[in-house]
Each structure stands twice: as structure tokens, then as C-alpha cells.
Amino acid sequence: MIGDLVMKSYLMVWFSSEGGRPSEITRRLMSMGFKPIQGAYDYVYEWDSSVDVTEILRFGDRVQMTLAELGVMFRLETVDASVTSN
């Protein structure tokens, strides 16, 4: 629909040679609903509805717990993306 609000969380991951394998990290993130992408970010999560900052922070906590002890750092960015259709 025109003008629908879609929220997306983009994730950038910095791997370490001393940490987990990229394939294992990808498997864990995909189990959370992330999709691997190419470009400026490594993964994207598409929300079903609009979310507030509190829910985004909870989601960030889940990402951190999922990646704990794998020797990676990450950056999570959540944005509003307008959907348009032809």
C-alpha cells in the first residue's frame, strides 16, 4: 500500500580471526529473522509493524545475547522505510 510505514533494522558485523566462523554467525542471525544482504550492511531484519525505541533496545539485547562469546562487534541501525507500490 502507498504510504505504509515499514521498519527495518540493518546490522553490520565486524568479524575477528579469533572469533566465530562467519557461517555460524549467519546461521544464528538467520534464526532470529535476519536476512544476509550485500552492500553497506551485512544483514537486514524487516519488522511486521512500527516499533518504538524500547522494543528496538530489547531486540538489540537479543542480538547481543545471540552473538555473545563469538568475538564479534556489531552496529544495529533501525530506520523507517516508506513502501510505495506501482
PDB file of N, CA and C in Angstrom:
ATOM      1  N   MET A   1       0.834  -1.182   0.000  1.00  0.00           N
ATOM      2  CA  MET A   1       0.000   0.000   0.000  1.00  0.00           C
ATOM      3  C   MET A   1       0.878   1.246   0.000  1.00  0.00           C
ATOM      4  N   ILE A   2       0.366   2.267  -0.586  1.00  0.00           N
ATOM      5  CA  ILE A   2       1.109   3.514  -0.644  1.00  0.00           C
ATOM      6  C   ILE A   2       1.137   4.152   0.737  1.00  0.00           C
ATOM      7  N   GLY A   3       2.326   4.585   1.145  1.00  0.00           N
ATOM      8  CA  GLY A   3       2.463   5.299   2.397  1.00  0.00           C
ATOM      9  C   GLY A   3       2.545   4.439   3.644  1.00  0.00           C
ATOM     10  N   ASP A   4       2.512   3.126   3.512  1.00  0.00           N
ATOM     11  CA  ASP A   4       2.653   2.268   4.691  1.00  0.00           C
ATOM     12  C   ASP A   4       4.039   2.452   5.296  1.00  0.00           C
ATOM     13  N   LEU A   5       4.096   2.432   6.614  1.00  0.00           N
ATOM     14  CA  LEU A   5       5.359   2.575   7.324  1.00  0.00           C
ATOM     15  C   LEU A   5       5.961   1.197   7.556  1.00  0.00           C
ATOM     16  N   VAL A   6       7.176   1.022   7.107  1.00  0.00           N
ATOM     17  CA  VAL A   6       7.888  -0.240   7.295  1.00  0.00           C
ATOM     18  C   VAL A   6       9.165   0.059   8.060  1.00  0.00           C
ATOM     19  N   MET A   7       9.389  -0.687   9.114  1.00  0.00           N
ATOM     20  CA  MET A   7      10.603  -0.524   9.910  1.00  0.00           C
ATOM     21  C   MET A   7      11.585  -1.614   9.503  1.00  0.00           C
ATOM     22  N   LYS A   8      12.849  -1.235   9.375  1.00  0.00           N
ATOM     23  CA  LYS A   8      13.905  -2.188   9.063  1.00  0.00           C
ATOM     24  C   LYS A   8      15.077  -1.938   9.999  1.00  0.00           C
ATOM     25  N   SER A   9      15.660  -3.023  10.470  1.00  0.00           N
ATOM     26  CA  SER A   9      16.886  -2.932  11.264  1.00  0.00           C
ATOM     27  C   SER A   9      18.025  -3.486  10.431  1.00  0.00           C
ATOM     28  N   TYR A  10      19.046  -2.662  10.248  1.00  0.00           N
ATOM     29  CA  TYR A  10      20.224  -3.065   9.490  1.00  0.00           C
ATOM     30  C   TYR A  10      21.342  -3.386  10.467  1.00  0.00           C
ATOM     31  N   LEU A  11      22.074  -4.448  10.170  1.00  0.00           N
ATOM     32  CA  LEU A  11      23.130  -4.914  11.058  1.00  0.00           C
ATOM     33  C   LEU A  11      24.442  -5.000  10.295  1.00  0.00           C
ATOM     34  N   MET A  12      25.470  -4.401  10.863  1.00  0.00           N
ATOM     35  CA  MET A  12      26.822  -4.509  10.337  1.00  0.00           C
ATOM     36  C   MET A  12      27.633  -5.279  11.373  1.00  0.00           C
ATOM     37  N   VAL A  13      28.381  -6.286  10.918  1.00  0.00           N
ATOM     38  CA  VAL A  13      29.140  -7.140  11.827  1.00  0.00           C
ATOM     39  C   VAL A  13      30.623  -7.042  11.496  1.00  0.00           C
ATOM     40  N   TRP A  14      31.442  -6.891  12.544  1.00  0.00           N
ATOM     41  CA  TRP A  14      32.890  -6.932  12.397  1.00  0.00           C
ATOM     42  C   TRP A  14      33.372  -8.256  12.977  1.00  0.00           C
ATOM     43  N   PHE A  15      33.940  -9.083  12.102  1.00  0.00           N
ATOM     44  CA  PHE A  15      34.417 -10.402  12.499  1.00  0.00           C
ATOM     45  C   PHE A  15      35.836 -10.315  13.038  1.00  0.00           C
ATOM     46  N   SER A  16      36.223 -11.319  13.809  1.00  0.00           N
ATOM     47  CA  SER A  16      37.579 -11.428  14.343  1.00  0.00           C
ATOM     48  C   SER A  16      38.145 -12.783  13.948  1.00  0.00           C
ATOM     49  N   SER A  17      39.424 -12.814  13.618  1.00  0.00           N
ATOM     50  CA  SER A  17      40.059 -14.097  13.290  1.00  0.00           C
ATOM     51  C   SER A  17      40.101 -15.011  14.507  1.00  0.00           C
ATOM     52  N   GLU A  18      39.904 -14.451  15.694  1.00  0.00           N
ATOM     53  CA  GLU A  18      39.892 -15.238  16.930  1.00  0.00           C
ATOM     54  C   GLU A  18      38.474 -15.615  17.355  1.00  0.00           C
ATOM     55  N   GLY A  19      37.492 -15.220  16.562  1.00  0.00           N
ATOM     56  CA  GLY A  19      36.098 -15.431  16.953  1.00  0.00           C
ATOM     57  C   GLY A  19      35.406 -16.517  16.154  1.00  0.00           C
ATOM     58  N   GLY A  20      34.079 -16.462  16.173  1.00  0.00           N
ATOM     59  CA  GLY A  20      33.257 -17.456  15.498  1.00  0.00           C
ATOM     60  C   GLY A  20      33.339 -17.350  13.983  1.00  0.00           C
ATOM     61  N   ARG A  21      33.019 -18.460  13.332  1.00  0.00           N
ATOM     62  CA  ARG A  21      33.027 -18.508  11.872  1.00  0.00           C
ATOM     63  C   ARG A  21      31.868 -17.671  11.325  1.00  0.00           C
ATOM     64  N   PRO A  22      32.089 -16.964  10.212  1.00  0.00           N
ATOM     65  CA  PRO A  22      31.002 -16.190   9.611  1.00  0.00           C
ATOM     66  C   PRO A  22      29.762 -17.036   9.308  1.00  0.00           C
ATOM     67  N   SER A  23      29.950 -18.287   8.912  1.00  0.00           N
ATOM     68  CA  SER A  23      28.793 -19.143   8.621  1.00  0.00           C
ATOM     69  C   SER A  23      27.972 -19.419   9.883  1.00  0.00           C
ATOM     70  N   GLU A  24      28.625 -19.588  11.029  1.00  0.00           N
ATOM     71  CA  GLU A  24      27.918 -19.819  12.293  1.00  0.00           C
ATOM     72  C   GLU A  24      27.182 -18.556  12.731  1.00  0.00           C
ATOM     73  N   ILE A  25      27.832 -17.422  12.583  1.00  0.00           N
ATOM     74  CA  ILE A  25      27.215 -16.147  12.946  1.00  0.00           C
ATOM     75  C   ILE A  25      25.984 -15.896  12.068  1.00  0.00           C
ATOM     76  N   THR A  26      26.115 -16.168  10.780  1.00  0.00           N
ATOM     77  CA  THR A  26      24.986 -16.006   9.859  1.00  0.00           C
ATOM     78  C   THR A  26      23.845 -16.941  10.232  1.00  0.00           C
ATOM     79  N   ARG A  27      24.151 -18.186  10.571  1.00  0.00           N
ATOM     80  CA  ARG A  27      23.120 -19.151  10.961  1.00  0.00           C
ATOM     81  C   ARG A  27      22.342 -18.635  12.171  1.00  0.00           C
ATOM     82  N   ARG A  28      23.068 -18.130  13.166  1.00  0.00           N
ATOM     83  CA  ARG A  28      22.409 -17.624  14.377  1.00  0.00           C
ATOM     84  C   ARG A  28      21.531 -16.415  14.083  1.00  0.00           C
ATOM     85  N   LEU A  29      22.044 -15.500  13.269  1.00  0.00           N
ATOM     86  CA  LEU A  29      21.266 -14.303  12.943  1.00  0.00           C
ATOM     87  C   LEU A  29      20.036 -14.645  12.104  1.00  0.00           C
ATOM     88  N   MET A  30      20.171 -15.595  11.189  1.00  0.00           N
ATOM     89  CA  MET A  30      19.024 -16.004  10.380  1.00  0.00           C
ATOM     90  C   MET A  30      17.949 -16.655  11.248  1.00  0.00           C
ATOM     91  N   SER A  31      18.361 -17.337  12.319  1.00  0.00           N
ATOM     92  CA  SER A  31      17.371 -17.940  13.219  1.00  0.00           C
ATOM     93  C   SER A  31      16.565 -16.867  13.954  1.00  0.00           C
ATOM     94  N   MET A  32      17.094 -15.638  14.012  1.00  0.00           N
ATOM     95  CA  MET A  32      16.374 -14.505  14.602  1.00  0.00           C
ATOM     96  C   MET A  32      15.495 -13.787  13.581  1.00  0.00           C
ATOM     97  N   GLY A  33      15.643 -14.129  12.308  1.00  0.00           N
ATOM     98  CA  GLY A  33      14.855 -13.476  11.270  1.00  0.00           C
ATOM     99  C   GLY A  33      15.635 -12.528  10.381  1.00  0.00           C
ATOM    100  N   PHE A  34      16.939 -12.374  10.632  1.00  0.00           N
ATOM    101  CA  PHE A  34      17.765 -11.536   9.760  1.00  0.00           C
ATOM    102  C   PHE A  34      17.963 -12.220   8.414  1.00  0.00           C
ATOM    103  N   LYS A  35      18.129 -11.403   7.367  1.00  0.00           N
ATOM    104  CA  LYS A  35      18.469 -11.902   6.039  1.00  0.00           C
ATOM    105  C   LYS A  35      19.821 -11.313   5.659  1.00  0.00           C
ATOM    106  N   PRO A  36      20.751 -12.145   5.155  1.00  0.00           N
ATOM    107  CA  PRO A  36      22.025 -11.602   4.685  1.00  0.00           C
ATOM    108  C   PRO A  36      21.791 -10.755   3.430  1.00  0.00           C
ATOM    109  N   ILE A  37      22.503  -9.637   3.339  1.00  0.00           N
ATOM    110  CA  ILE A  37      22.395  -8.766   2.168  1.00  0.00           C
ATOM    111  C   ILE A  37      23.789  -8.315   1.761  1.00  0.00           C
ATOM    112  N   GLN A  38      23.898  -7.772   0.562  1.00  0.00           N
ATOM    113  CA  GLN A  38      25.152  -7.199   0.089  1.00  0.00           C
ATOM    114  C   GLN A  38      25.017  -5.687   0.086  1.00  0.00           C
ATOM    115  N   GLY A  39      26.110  -5.016   0.343  1.00  0.00           N
ATOM    116  CA  GLY A  39      26.087  -3.561   0.326  1.00  0.00           C
ATOM    117  C   GLY A  39      26.692  -2.986   1.587  1.00  0.00           C
ATOM    118  N   ALA A  40      26.174  -1.846   2.002  1.00  0.00           N
ATOM    119  CA  ALA A  40      26.727  -1.135   3.157  1.00  0.00           C
ATOM    120  C   ALA A  40      26.519  -1.894   4.461  1.00  0.00           C
ATOM    121  N   TYR A  41      25.496  -2.738   4.514  1.00  0.00           N
ATOM    122  CA  TYR A  41      25.201  -3.526   5.714  1.00  0.00           C
ATOM    123  C   TYR A  41      25.293  -5.005   5.370  1.00  0.00           C
ATOM    124  N   ASP A  42      25.402  -5.824   6.407  1.00  0.00           N
ATOM    125  CA  ASP A  42      25.550  -7.266   6.206  1.00  0.00           C
ATOM    126  C   ASP A  42      24.230  -8.023   6.300  1.00  0.00           C
ATOM    127  N   TYR A  43      23.294  -7.521   7.114  1.00  0.00           N
ATOM    128  CA  TYR A  43      22.020  -8.205   7.358  1.00  0.00           C
ATOM    129  C   TYR A  43      20.906  -7.175   7.499  1.00  0.00           C
ATOM    130  N   VAL A  44      19.671  -7.624   7.233  1.00  0.00           N
ATOM    131  CA  VAL A  44      18.502  -6.770   7.443  1.00  0.00           C
ATOM    132  C   VAL A  44      17.418  -7.585   8.142  1.00  0.00           C
ATOM    133  N   TYR A  45      16.703  -6.928   9.043  1.00  0.00           N
ATOM    134  CA  TYR A  45      15.539  -7.501   9.715  1.00  0.00           C
ATOM    135  C   TYR A  45      14.364  -6.600   9.400  1.00  0.00           C
ATOM    136  N   GLU A  46      13.297  -7.168   8.850  1.00  0.00           N
ATOM    137  CA  GLU A  46      12.113  -6.387   8.500  1.00  0.00           C
ATOM    138  C   GLU A  46      11.033  -6.626   9.546  1.00  0.00           C
ATOM    139  N   TRP A  47      10.637  -5.557  10.209  1.00  0.00           N
ATOM    140  CA  TRP A  47       9.619  -5.632  11.252  1.00  0.00           C
ATOM    141  C   TRP A  47       8.245  -5.792  10.624  1.00  0.00           C
ATOM    142  N   ASP A  48       7.329  -6.445  11.342  1.00  0.00           N
ATOM    143  CA  ASP A  48       5.951  -6.610  10.878  1.00  0.00           C
ATOM    144  C   ASP A  48       5.128  -5.344  11.082  1.00  0.00           C
ATOM    145  N   SER A  49       5.578  -4.489  11.992  1.00  0.00           N
ATOM    146  CA  SER A  49       4.832  -3.274  12.307  1.00  0.00           C
ATOM    147  C   SER A  49       5.805  -2.214  12.805  1.00  0.00           C
ATOM    148  N   SER A  50       5.289  -1.033  13.041  1.00  0.00           N
ATOM    149  CA  SER A  50       6.099   0.037  13.605  1.00  0.00           C
ATOM    150  C   SER A  50       6.471  -0.320  15.046  1.00  0.00           C
ATOM    151  N   VAL A  51       7.701  -0.020  15.434  1.00  0.00           N
ATOM    152  CA  VAL A  51       8.167  -0.331  16.785  1.00  0.00           C
ATOM    153  C   VAL A  51       8.742   0.918  17.431  1.00  0.00           C
ATOM    154  N   ASP A  52       8.749   0.925  18.767  1.00  0.00           N
ATOM    155  CA  ASP A  52       9.299   2.071  19.488  1.00  0.00           C
ATOM    156  C   ASP A  52      10.727   1.765  19.942  1.00  0.00           C
ATOM    157  N   VAL A  53      11.357   2.763  20.519  1.00  0.00           N
ATOM    158  CA  VAL A  53      12.755   2.647  20.933  1.00  0.00           C
ATOM    159  C   VAL A  53      12.944   1.526  21.951  1.00  0.00           C
ATOM    160  N   THR A  54      12.002   1.364  22.867  1.00  0.00           N
ATOM    161  CA  THR A  54      12.117   0.311  23.879  1.00  0.00           C
ATOM    162  C   THR A  54      12.187  -1.067  23.231  1.00  0.00           C
ATOM    163  N   GLU A  55      11.338  -1.309  22.245  1.00  0.00           N
ATOM    164  CA  GLU A  55      11.349  -2.604  21.559  1.00  0.00           C
ATOM    165  C   GLU A  55      12.629  -2.790  20.746  1.00  0.00           C
ATOM    166  N   ILE A  56      13.118  -1.724  20.147  1.00  0.00           N
ATOM    167  CA  ILE A  56      14.374  -1.794  19.395  1.00  0.00           C
ATOM    168  C   ILE A  56      15.527  -2.136  20.334  1.00  0.00           C
ATOM    169  N   LEU A  57      15.541  -1.535  21.526  1.00  0.00           N
ATOM    170  CA  LEU A  57      16.590  -1.847  22.504  1.00  0.00           C
ATOM    171  C   LEU A  57      16.518  -3.302  22.961  1.00  0.00           C
ATOM    172  N   ARG A  58      15.309  -3.800  23.184  1.00  0.00           N
ATOM    173  CA  ARG A  58      15.153  -5.221  23.544  1.00  0.00           C
ATOM    174  C   ARG A  58      15.681  -6.120  22.434  1.00  0.00           C
ATOM    175  N   PHE A  59      15.404  -5.742  21.199  1.00  0.00           N
ATOM    176  CA  PHE A  59      15.882  -6.512  20.056  1.00  0.00           C
ATOM    177  C   PHE A  59      17.412  -6.472  20.005  1.00  0.00           C
ATOM    178  N   GLY A  60      17.997  -5.303  20.259  1.00  0.00           N
ATOM    179  CA  GLY A  60      19.455  -5.188  20.319  1.00  0.00           C
ATOM    180  C   GLY A  60      20.047  -6.077  21.395  1.00  0.00           C
ATOM    181  N   ASP A  61      19.366  -6.174  22.542  1.00  0.00           N
ATOM    182  CA  ASP A  61      19.811  -7.081  23.608  1.00  0.00           C
ATOM    183  C   ASP A  61      19.804  -8.527  23.128  1.00  0.00           C
ATOM    184  N   ARG A  62      18.751  -8.907  22.386  1.00  0.00           N
ATOM    185  CA  ARG A  62      18.682 -10.274  21.854  1.00  0.00           C
ATOM    186  C   ARG A  62      19.816 -10.546  20.872  1.00  0.00           C
ATOM    187  N   VAL A  63      20.133  -9.552  20.027  1.00  0.00           N
ATOM    188  CA  VAL A  63      21.251  -9.707  19.090  1.00  0.00           C
ATOM    189  C   VAL A  63      22.540  -9.913  19.874  1.00  0.00           C
ATOM    190  N   GLN A  64      22.760  -9.101  20.908  1.00  0.00           N
ATOM    191  CA  GLN A  64      23.975  -9.213  21.711  1.00  0.00           C
ATOM    192  C   GLN A  64      24.068 -10.586  22.363  1.00  0.00           C
ATOM    193  N   MET A  65      22.971 -11.079  22.918  1.00  0.00           N
ATOM    194  CA  MET A  65      22.987 -12.403  23.556  1.00  0.00           C
ATOM    195  C   MET A  65      23.246 -13.505  22.530  1.00  0.00           C
ATOM    196  N   THR A  66      22.700 -13.343  21.339  1.00  0.00           N
ATOM    197  CA  THR A  66      22.896 -14.335  20.278  1.00  0.00           C
ATOM    198  C   THR A  66      24.348 -14.385  19.821  1.00  0.00           C
ATOM    199  N   LEU A  67      25.015 -13.237  19.815  1.00  0.00           N
ATOM    200  CA  LEU A  67      26.392 -13.166  19.323  1.00  0.00           C
ATOM    201  C   LEU A  67      27.439 -13.228  20.437  1.00  0.00           C
ATOM    202  N   ALA A  68      26.989 -13.319  21.684  1.00  0.00           N
ATOM    203  CA  ALA A  68      27.918 -13.343  22.820  1.00  0.00           C
ATOM    204  C   ALA A  68      28.924 -14.477  22.656  1.00  0.00           C
ATOM    205  N   GLU A  69      30.140 -14.211  23.051  1.00  0.00           N
ATOM    206  CA  GLU A  69      31.249 -15.176  23.047  1.00  0.00           C
ATOM    207  C   GLU A  69      31.677 -15.607  21.646  1.00  0.00           C
ATOM    208  N   LEU A  70      31.245 -14.898  20.609  1.00  0.00           N
ATOM    209  CA  LEU A  70      31.679 -15.225  19.251  1.00  0.00           C
ATOM    210  C   LEU A  70      32.762 -14.273  18.751  1.00  0.00           C
ATOM    211  N   GLY A  71      33.177 -13.335  19.591  1.00  0.00           N
ATOM    212  CA  GLY A  71      34.275 -12.443  19.224  1.00  0.00           C
ATOM    213  C   GLY A  71      33.945 -11.478  18.102  1.00  0.00           C
ATOM    214  N   VAL A  72      32.691 -11.021  18.034  1.00  0.00           N
ATOM    215  CA  VAL A  72      32.312 -10.056  17.007  1.00  0.00           C
ATOM    216  C   VAL A  72      31.834  -8.763  17.658  1.00  0.00           C
ATOM    217  N   MET A  73      31.914  -7.707  16.894  1.00  0.00           N
ATOM    218  CA  MET A  73      31.293  -6.439  17.272  1.00  0.00           C
ATOM    219  C   MET A  73      30.221  -6.170  16.227  1.00  0.00           C
ATOM    220  N   PHE A  74      29.196  -5.420  16.613  1.00  0.00           N
ATOM    221  CA  PHE A  74      28.142  -5.136  15.646  1.00  0.00           C
ATOM    222  C   PHE A  74      27.604  -3.733  15.827  1.00  0.00           C
ATOM    223  N   ARG A  75      26.962  -3.270  14.768  1.00  0.00           N
ATOM    224  CA  ARG A  75      26.254  -1.988  14.776  1.00  0.00           C
ATOM    225  C   ARG A  75      24.845  -2.262  14.278  1.00  0.00           C
ATOM    226  N   LEU A  76      23.854  -1.829  15.033  1.00  0.00           N
ATOM    227  CA  LEU A  76      22.451  -2.015  14.682  1.00  0.00           C
ATOM    228  C   LEU A  76      21.831  -0.653  14.415  1.00  0.00           C
ATOM    229  N   GLU A  77      21.194  -0.509  13.266  1.00  0.00           N
ATOM    230  CA  GLU A  77      20.540   0.750  12.905  1.00  0.00           C
ATOM    231  C   GLU A  77      19.119   0.443  12.438  1.00  0.00           C
ATOM    232  N   THR A  78      18.140   1.031  13.095  1.00  0.00           N
ATOM    233  CA  THR A  78      16.739   0.815  12.734  1.00  0.00           C
ATOM    234  C   THR A  78      16.175   2.097  12.146  1.00  0.00           C
ATOM    235  N   VAL A  79      15.531   1.957  10.986  1.00  0.00           N
ATOM    236  CA  VAL A  79      15.016   3.119  10.265  1.00  0.00           C
ATOM    237  C   VAL A  79      13.588   2.867   9.806  1.00  0.00           C
ATOM    238  N   ASP A  80      12.885   3.959   9.538  1.00  0.00           N
ATOM    239  CA  ASP A  80      11.572   3.894   8.897  1.00  0.00           C
ATOM    240  C   ASP A  80      11.810   3.913   7.389  1.00  0.00           C
ATOM    241  N   ALA A  81      11.186   2.997   6.677  1.00  0.00           N
ATOM    242  CA  ALA A  81      11.300   2.975   5.217  1.00  0.00           C
ATOM    243  C   ALA A  81       9.891   2.989   4.640  1.00  0.00           C
ATOM    244  N   SER A  82       9.572   4.005   3.875  1.00  0.00           N
ATOM    245  CA  SER A  82       8.237   4.096   3.267  1.00  0.00           C
ATOM    246  C   SER A  82       8.133   3.118   2.115  1.00  0.00           C
ATOM    247  N   VAL A  83       6.987   2.447   2.046  1.00  0.00           N
ATOM    248  CA  VAL A  83       6.732   1.495   0.970  1.00  0.00           C
ATOM    249  C   VAL A  83       5.834   2.168  -0.051  1.00  0.00           C
ATOM    250  N   THR A  84       6.240   2.093  -1.285  1.00  0.00           N
ATOM    251  CA  THR A  84       5.392   2.594  -2.361  1.00  0.00           C
ATOM    252  C   THR A  84       5.159   1.465  -3.347  1.00  0.00           C
ATOM    253  N   SER A  85       4.038   1.477  -3.967  1.00  0.00           N
ATOM    254  CA  SER A  85       3.744   0.459  -4.976  1.00  0.00           C
ATOM    255  C   SER A  85       3.319   1.140  -6.264  1.00  0.00           C
ATOM    256  N   ASN A  86       3.520   0.438  -7.356  1.00  0.00           N
ATOM    257  CA  ASN A  86       3.145   0.977  -8.673  1.00  0.00           C
ATOM    258  C   ASN A  86       1.771   0.527  -9.063  1.00  0.00           C
TER     259      ASN A  86
END
